[in-house]
Structure formats: C-alpha cells, structure tokens
C-alpha cells in the first residue's frame, strides 16, 4: 500500500514539483496551501509524513508543526520542513516545535525522496 504524504506550501508551483517527485516514486499526495488549510485536511485519514514550508499566510509552518504535535491522531507523524529559511535560529525553532528534518529550496527531487524514505521507514 502506498504511503500518503501531506504537502503544505503556499506556492502552487512548489506543490506541483513536490507532488510530481513523490507521485513518481509511488507515494500518494494530499496538498494544502497553508497551515490552516492543512489542519483542515487532518480529518482522520492516514498521513504517513508531512512536508511543509515555513513562510505561508494564515498559519506559518512552525505554528502548523506545533498544532500537529498537539493533535491526538497526528502528533507523532514525521514532519519535514522544505523552505528557503536557513537561519540557524529558525531551524532550531522548527526542530523544537517537532520537525524531524529540514530541507532547503531550491531542492533536488532525489534529495527530497531520500529524506521522505528515511522519515517514512
């Protein structure tokens, strides 16, 4: 059975690139345009991994990670941040919030797939 990944990014172009890479590797993808939209998609269905941007309207990625960590069903779901944010303090803030990996844009799809594979087991 294919693993399902929630991709959260306000850029439709980035979501398309990520979706293409993940679907090409056999994953099922659910998309959300920001953290608030993503929380609305956490309705009980199996989500094996979340890939989220940081800088988004309505609810940024760090606030989203914190909200997911408090969610009874998804609190232990692995989270990978995919962003342009590279400041050490911001990376540490994401890790403390509960992100398990941090990848930088622009990214190479094979690197994304390696991270996804490591996080989904």
C-alpha atoms as a PDB file:
ATOM      1  CA  UNK A   1       0.000   0.000   0.000  1.00  0.00           C
ATOM      2  CA  UNK A   2       1.291   3.444  -0.905  1.00  0.00           C
ATOM      3  CA  UNK A   3       2.224   5.889   1.831  1.00  0.00           C
ATOM      4  CA  UNK A   4       0.347   9.177   1.975  1.00  0.00           C
ATOM      5  CA  UNK A   5       2.181  12.479   2.296  1.00  0.00           C
ATOM      6  CA  UNK A   6       0.605  15.842   3.110  1.00  0.00           C
ATOM      7  CA  UNK A   7       2.410  18.637   1.216  1.00  0.00           C
ATOM      8  CA  UNK A   8       1.864  22.124   2.639  1.00  0.00           C
ATOM      9  CA  UNK A   9       3.101  25.141   0.668  1.00  0.00           C
ATOM     10  CA  UNK A  10       1.524  28.403  -0.447  1.00  0.00           C
ATOM     11  CA  UNK A  11       3.262  28.123  -3.823  1.00  0.00           C
ATOM     12  CA  UNK A  12       1.274  26.033  -6.308  1.00  0.00           C
ATOM     13  CA  UNK A  13       4.464  25.622  -8.378  1.00  0.00           C
ATOM     14  CA  UNK A  14       6.376  24.141  -5.438  1.00  0.00           C
ATOM     15  CA  UNK A  15       3.470  21.833  -4.605  1.00  0.00           C
ATOM     16  CA  UNK A  16       3.464  20.659  -8.221  1.00  0.00           C
ATOM     17  CA  UNK A  17       7.194  19.879  -8.221  1.00  0.00           C
ATOM     18  CA  UNK A  18       6.957  18.060  -4.881  1.00  0.00           C
ATOM     19  CA  UNK A  19       3.814  16.169  -5.945  1.00  0.00           C
ATOM     20  CA  UNK A  20       5.418  15.118  -9.237  1.00  0.00           C
ATOM     21  CA  UNK A  21       8.518  13.774  -7.467  1.00  0.00           C
ATOM     22  CA  UNK A  22       6.526  11.966  -4.785  1.00  0.00           C
ATOM     23  CA  UNK A  23       3.871  10.508  -7.088  1.00  0.00           C
ATOM     24  CA  UNK A  24       6.613   9.369  -9.454  1.00  0.00           C
ATOM     25  CA  UNK A  25       8.116   7.418  -6.553  1.00  0.00           C
ATOM     26  CA  UNK A  26       4.770   5.776  -5.752  1.00  0.00           C
ATOM     27  CA  UNK A  27       3.528   7.982  -2.903  1.00  0.00           C
ATOM     28  CA  UNK A  28       0.009   9.365  -2.597  1.00  0.00           C
ATOM     29  CA  UNK A  29      -0.072  13.140  -2.099  1.00  0.00           C
ATOM     30  CA  UNK A  30      -2.578  15.396  -0.367  1.00  0.00           C
ATOM     31  CA  UNK A  31      -1.989  19.130  -0.896  1.00  0.00           C
ATOM     32  CA  UNK A  32      -2.676  22.173   1.291  1.00  0.00           C
ATOM     33  CA  UNK A  33      -1.953  25.841   0.594  1.00  0.00           C
ATOM     34  CA  UNK A  34      -1.024  26.853   4.174  1.00  0.00           C
ATOM     35  CA  UNK A  35      -1.030  25.560   7.736  1.00  0.00           C
ATOM     36  CA  UNK A  36      -4.690  26.380   8.350  1.00  0.00           C
ATOM     37  CA  UNK A  37      -5.738  24.571   5.180  1.00  0.00           C
ATOM     38  CA  UNK A  38      -3.551  21.608   6.152  1.00  0.00           C
ATOM     39  CA  UNK A  39      -5.097  21.343   9.628  1.00  0.00           C
ATOM     40  CA  UNK A  40      -8.483  21.159   7.944  1.00  0.00           C
ATOM     41  CA  UNK A  41      -7.262  18.161   5.945  1.00  0.00           C
ATOM     42  CA  UNK A  42      -6.228  16.209   9.049  1.00  0.00           C
ATOM     43  CA  UNK A  43      -9.601  14.502   9.355  1.00  0.00           C
ATOM     44  CA  UNK A  44      -8.588  11.030  10.487  1.00  0.00           C
ATOM     45  CA  UNK A  45      -7.210   9.597   7.251  1.00  0.00           C
ATOM     46  CA  UNK A  46      -3.769   8.016   7.393  1.00  0.00           C
ATOM     47  CA  UNK A  47      -0.974  10.529   6.796  1.00  0.00           C
ATOM     48  CA  UNK A  48       2.486   8.939   6.898  1.00  0.00           C
ATOM     49  CA  UNK A  49       4.521  12.140   6.543  1.00  0.00           C
ATOM     50  CA  UNK A  50       4.038  15.898   6.335  1.00  0.00           C
ATOM     51  CA  UNK A  51       6.258  18.111   4.149  1.00  0.00           C
ATOM     52  CA  UNK A  52       5.716  21.774   4.990  1.00  0.00           C
ATOM     53  CA  UNK A  53       7.006  25.189   4.035  1.00  0.00           C
ATOM     54  CA  UNK A  54       7.651  27.754   6.784  1.00  0.00           C
ATOM     55  CA  UNK A  55       6.641  31.117   5.308  1.00  0.00           C
ATOM     56  CA  UNK A  56       2.934  30.927   4.474  1.00  0.00           C
ATOM     57  CA  UNK A  57      -0.114  33.128   5.060  1.00  0.00           C
ATOM     58  CA  UNK A  58      -2.835  32.347   7.620  1.00  0.00           C
ATOM     59  CA  UNK A  59      -0.684  29.889   9.608  1.00  0.00           C
ATOM     60  CA  UNK A  60       3.054  29.556   9.084  1.00  0.00           C
ATOM     61  CA  UNK A  61       4.892  26.259   9.103  1.00  0.00           C
ATOM     62  CA  UNK A  62       6.242  26.500  12.663  1.00  0.00           C
ATOM     63  CA  UNK A  63       2.778  27.208  14.094  1.00  0.00           C
ATOM     64  CA  UNK A  64       1.440  24.352  11.956  1.00  0.00           C
ATOM     65  CA  UNK A  65       4.087  21.936  13.283  1.00  0.00           C
ATOM     66  CA  UNK A  66       3.186  22.903  16.856  1.00  0.00           C
ATOM     67  CA  UNK A  67      -0.521  22.347  16.131  1.00  0.00           C
ATOM     68  CA  UNK A  68       0.170  18.941  14.575  1.00  0.00           C
ATOM     69  CA  UNK A  69       2.231  17.894  17.595  1.00  0.00           C
ATOM     70  CA  UNK A  70      -0.801  18.630  19.826  1.00  0.00           C
ATOM     71  CA  UNK A  71      -3.184  16.675  17.551  1.00  0.00           C
ATOM     72  CA  UNK A  72      -4.247  13.345  19.111  1.00  0.00           C
ATOM     73  CA  UNK A  73      -4.164  11.416  15.810  1.00  0.00           C
ATOM     74  CA  UNK A  74      -1.194  13.061  14.074  1.00  0.00           C
ATOM     75  CA  UNK A  75       1.015  14.091  16.994  1.00  0.00           C
ATOM     76  CA  UNK A  76       3.679  11.520  16.108  1.00  0.00           C
ATOM     77  CA  UNK A  77       3.541  11.905  12.331  1.00  0.00           C
ATOM     78  CA  UNK A  78       7.018  12.692  10.938  1.00  0.00           C
ATOM     79  CA  UNK A  79       7.400  16.237   9.617  1.00  0.00           C
ATOM     80  CA  UNK A  80       9.937  17.524   7.106  1.00  0.00           C
ATOM     81  CA  UNK A  81      10.325  21.260   6.594  1.00  0.00           C
ATOM     82  CA  UNK A  82      11.032  22.322   2.994  1.00  0.00           C
ATOM     83  CA  UNK A  83      11.874  26.036   2.901  1.00  0.00           C
ATOM     84  CA  UNK A  84      14.239  28.833   1.947  1.00  0.00           C
ATOM     85  CA  UNK A  85      14.727  29.602   5.668  1.00  0.00           C
ATOM     86  CA  UNK A  86      18.302  28.730   6.599  1.00  0.00           C
ATOM     87  CA  UNK A  87      18.915  30.885   9.678  1.00  0.00           C
ATOM     88  CA  UNK A  88      20.179  28.702  12.499  1.00  0.00           C
ATOM     89  CA  UNK A  89      17.659  30.147  14.977  1.00  0.00           C
ATOM     90  CA  UNK A  90      14.737  29.406  12.658  1.00  0.00           C
ATOM     91  CA  UNK A  91      15.941  25.842  12.029  1.00  0.00           C
ATOM     92  CA  UNK A  92      16.265  25.295  15.786  1.00  0.00           C
ATOM     93  CA  UNK A  93      12.791  26.747  16.335  1.00  0.00           C
ATOM     94  CA  UNK A  94      11.430  24.226  13.829  1.00  0.00           C
ATOM     95  CA  UNK A  95      13.225  21.321  15.462  1.00  0.00           C
ATOM     96  CA  UNK A  96      11.972  22.351  18.905  1.00  0.00           C
ATOM     97  CA  UNK A  97       8.447  22.578  17.505  1.00  0.00           C
ATOM     98  CA  UNK A  98       8.762  18.978  16.320  1.00  0.00           C
ATOM     99  CA  UNK A  99      10.127  18.933  12.769  1.00  0.00           C
ATOM    100  CA  UNK A 100      12.336  15.915  12.139  1.00  0.00           C
ATOM    101  CA  UNK A 101      14.128  17.132   9.009  1.00  0.00           C
ATOM    102  CA  UNK A 102      14.866  20.446   7.296  1.00  0.00           C
ATOM    103  CA  UNK A 103      15.492  20.703   3.539  1.00  0.00           C
ATOM    104  CA  UNK A 104      16.295  23.899   1.699  1.00  0.00           C
ATOM    105  CA  UNK A 105      14.770  25.274  -1.503  1.00  0.00           C
ATOM    106  CA  UNK A 106      15.720  25.002  -4.235  1.00  0.00           C
ATOM    107  CA  UNK A 107      15.949  21.245  -3.777  1.00  0.00           C
ATOM    108  CA  UNK A 108      16.843  18.275  -5.926  1.00  0.00           C
ATOM    109  CA  UNK A 109      13.984  15.747  -6.084  1.00  0.00           C
ATOM    110  CA  UNK A 110      16.341  12.821  -5.264  1.00  0.00           C
ATOM    111  CA  UNK A 111      17.335  14.558  -2.027  1.00  0.00           C
ATOM    112  CA  UNK A 112      13.675  15.058  -1.145  1.00  0.00           C
ATOM    113  CA  UNK A 113      12.954  11.394  -1.886  1.00  0.00           C
ATOM    114  CA  UNK A 114      15.885  10.306   0.304  1.00  0.00           C
ATOM    115  CA  UNK A 115      14.517  12.361   3.212  1.00  0.00           C
ATOM    116  CA  UNK A 116      10.996  11.053   2.654  1.00  0.00           C
ATOM    117  CA  UNK A 117      12.234   7.471   2.574  1.00  0.00           C
ATOM    118  CA  UNK A 118      14.241   7.960   5.784  1.00  0.00           C
ATOM    119  CA  UNK A 119      11.286   9.520   7.596  1.00  0.00           C
ATOM    120  CA  UNK A 120       8.644   7.044   6.451  1.00  0.00           C
ATOM    121  CA  UNK A 121      10.770   3.960   7.079  1.00  0.00           C
END
